Protein backbone atom coordinates (compact mmCIF):
# COMPACT_ATOMS: atom_id res chain seq x y z
CA UNK A 1 63.85 148.37 -42.01
CA UNK A 2 61.41 151.11 -43.10
CA UNK A 3 62.83 154.18 -45.42
CA UNK A 4 62.62 157.34 -44.18
CA UNK A 5 61.88 160.41 -46.05
CA UNK A 6 63.97 163.72 -45.82
CA UNK A 7 60.92 165.35 -44.09
CA UNK A 8 60.89 162.60 -41.42
CA UNK A 9 64.52 163.09 -40.63
CA UNK A 10 64.12 166.93 -40.56
CA UNK A 11 61.15 166.52 -38.04
CA UNK A 12 63.20 164.23 -35.84
CA UNK A 13 66.07 166.72 -35.72
CA UNK A 14 63.72 169.36 -35.00
CA UNK A 15 62.41 167.52 -31.78
CA UNK A 16 64.92 168.80 -29.18
CA UNK A 17 65.18 166.69 -26.27
CA UNK A 18 65.02 168.40 -22.78
CA UNK A 19 67.69 166.79 -20.51
CA UNK A 20 68.24 167.69 -16.74
CA UNK A 21 71.46 166.67 -15.24
CA UNK A 22 70.95 166.67 -11.32
CA UNK A 23 74.25 166.94 -9.22
CA UNK A 24 73.28 166.14 -5.42
CA UNK A 25 76.53 164.98 -3.96
CA UNK A 26 79.56 166.91 -2.57
CA UNK A 27 82.21 167.76 -4.66
CA UNK A 28 84.87 166.77 -2.09
CA UNK A 29 87.00 163.88 -2.29
CA UNK A 30 85.41 162.50 -5.66
CA UNK A 31 85.58 163.04 -9.41
CA UNK A 32 81.83 162.47 -9.70
CA UNK A 33 80.86 166.08 -10.01
CA UNK A 34 83.73 166.81 -12.17
CA UNK A 35 82.80 163.81 -14.48
CA UNK A 36 79.07 164.76 -14.30
CA UNK A 37 79.97 168.49 -15.73
CA UNK A 38 82.41 166.87 -18.54
CA UNK A 39 79.72 164.61 -19.66
CA UNK A 40 77.21 167.49 -19.78
CA UNK A 41 79.55 169.33 -21.98
CA UNK A 42 79.39 166.28 -24.24
CA UNK A 43 75.50 166.41 -24.37
CA UNK A 44 75.85 169.70 -25.89
CA UNK A 45 76.98 168.27 -29.20
CA UNK A 46 73.62 166.73 -29.87
CA UNK A 47 70.53 168.89 -30.31
CA UNK A 48 69.45 169.09 -26.45
CA UNK A 49 68.14 171.54 -24.30
CA UNK A 50 70.07 170.88 -21.06
CA UNK A 51 69.78 172.19 -17.54
CA UNK A 52 72.29 171.41 -14.84
CA UNK A 53 70.56 171.20 -11.36
CA UNK A 54 72.74 171.50 -8.07
CA UNK A 55 70.70 170.59 -5.20
CA UNK A 56 71.44 169.10 -1.78
CA UNK A 57 75.35 168.81 -1.23
CA UNK A 58 75.69 169.28 -4.89
CA UNK A 59 75.58 173.06 -4.50
CA UNK A 60 78.98 173.11 -2.90
CA UNK A 61 80.16 172.50 -6.45
CA UNK A 62 79.43 176.16 -7.25
CA UNK A 63 81.76 177.35 -4.36
CA UNK A 64 85.34 178.47 -5.35
CA UNK A 65 87.73 175.39 -5.30
CA UNK A 66 90.80 174.24 -5.80
CA UNK A 67 90.80 170.46 -7.06
CA UNK A 68 94.02 169.37 -5.56
CA UNK A 69 92.98 170.64 -2.34
CA UNK A 70 89.37 169.08 -2.00
CA UNK A 71 90.42 165.81 -3.80
CA UNK A 72 88.47 166.25 -6.99
CA UNK A 73 89.24 166.82 -10.67
CA UNK A 74 88.59 170.04 -12.75
CA UNK A 75 85.27 171.80 -12.22
CA UNK A 76 85.82 175.25 -13.04
CA UNK A 77 86.59 174.88 -16.63
CA UNK A 78 83.52 172.56 -17.27
CA UNK A 79 81.41 175.14 -15.48
CA UNK A 80 82.81 177.88 -17.86
CA UNK A 81 82.43 175.80 -20.92
CA UNK A 82 78.58 175.22 -20.06
CA UNK A 83 78.09 178.86 -19.45
CA UNK A 84 79.76 179.62 -22.78
CA UNK A 85 77.41 177.11 -24.37
CA UNK A 86 74.44 178.79 -22.83
CA UNK A 87 73.52 175.63 -20.79
CA UNK A 88 70.97 176.50 -17.91
CA UNK A 89 72.81 176.24 -14.46
CA UNK A 90 70.47 176.14 -11.43
CA UNK A 91 70.89 176.00 -7.92
CA UNK A 92 67.92 174.93 -5.59
CA UNK A 93 67.33 177.70 -3.48
CA UNK A 94 66.28 175.53 -0.62
CA UNK A 95 69.61 173.66 -0.66
CA UNK A 96 71.51 177.00 -0.54
CA UNK A 97 69.55 178.38 2.47
CA UNK A 98 70.02 174.94 4.45
CA UNK A 99 73.71 175.19 3.87
CA UNK A 100 73.76 179.02 4.79
CA UNK A 101 75.49 179.42 0.99
CA UNK A 102 74.67 183.02 -0.60
CA UNK A 103 78.00 183.85 -2.08
CA UNK A 104 78.73 181.63 -5.04
CA UNK A 105 81.48 181.64 -7.42
CA UNK A 106 79.14 181.15 -10.48
CA UNK A 107 76.31 183.29 -11.52
CA UNK A 108 73.60 180.68 -11.63
CA UNK A 109 69.60 180.73 -11.43
CA UNK A 110 68.15 180.19 -8.15
CA UNK A 111 65.02 178.29 -8.25
CA UNK A 112 62.69 176.99 -5.73
CA UNK A 113 61.87 173.32 -4.95
CA UNK A 114 58.63 173.42 -6.87
CA UNK A 115 60.35 175.25 -9.87
CA UNK A 116 62.94 172.52 -9.95
CA UNK A 117 60.30 169.72 -9.71
CA UNK A 118 58.31 171.16 -12.47
CA UNK A 119 61.47 171.41 -14.55
CA UNK A 120 62.16 167.72 -13.99
CA UNK A 121 58.78 166.83 -14.86
CA UNK A 122 59.20 168.46 -18.35
CA UNK A 123 62.36 166.84 -18.97
CA UNK A 124 62.60 163.81 -21.29
CA UNK A 125 65.64 162.57 -19.70
CA UNK A 126 67.16 163.17 -16.11
CA UNK A 127 70.69 161.97 -15.13
CA UNK A 128 71.30 161.77 -11.44
CA UNK A 129 74.99 162.14 -9.89
């Protein structure tokens, strides 16, 4: 095993990974979206630049919800934590338009499909839910 100098370790530490978490599924009758957000909170412990992208039916996650009524686990506390940690929260504009959603509970960036594709292309890792 090769020994690494302190300079090598510092250089490795400085290389921030760009991670995109894509939530595409409805939050109804599942714990998937809640778990995706909980996992994303965990990703913030490492030196990562993180973006959570809500597209397709995943945009429903951004509406006001009551977990017990929709058959889900807690969503709001994870979104609140991610906002406090300055994680980018992004809704795909076309997904919102297709579902006639304009008033969301959460203040998120609204990017077009091309911008989302570009962001995904620049990511070192993409985790899909």
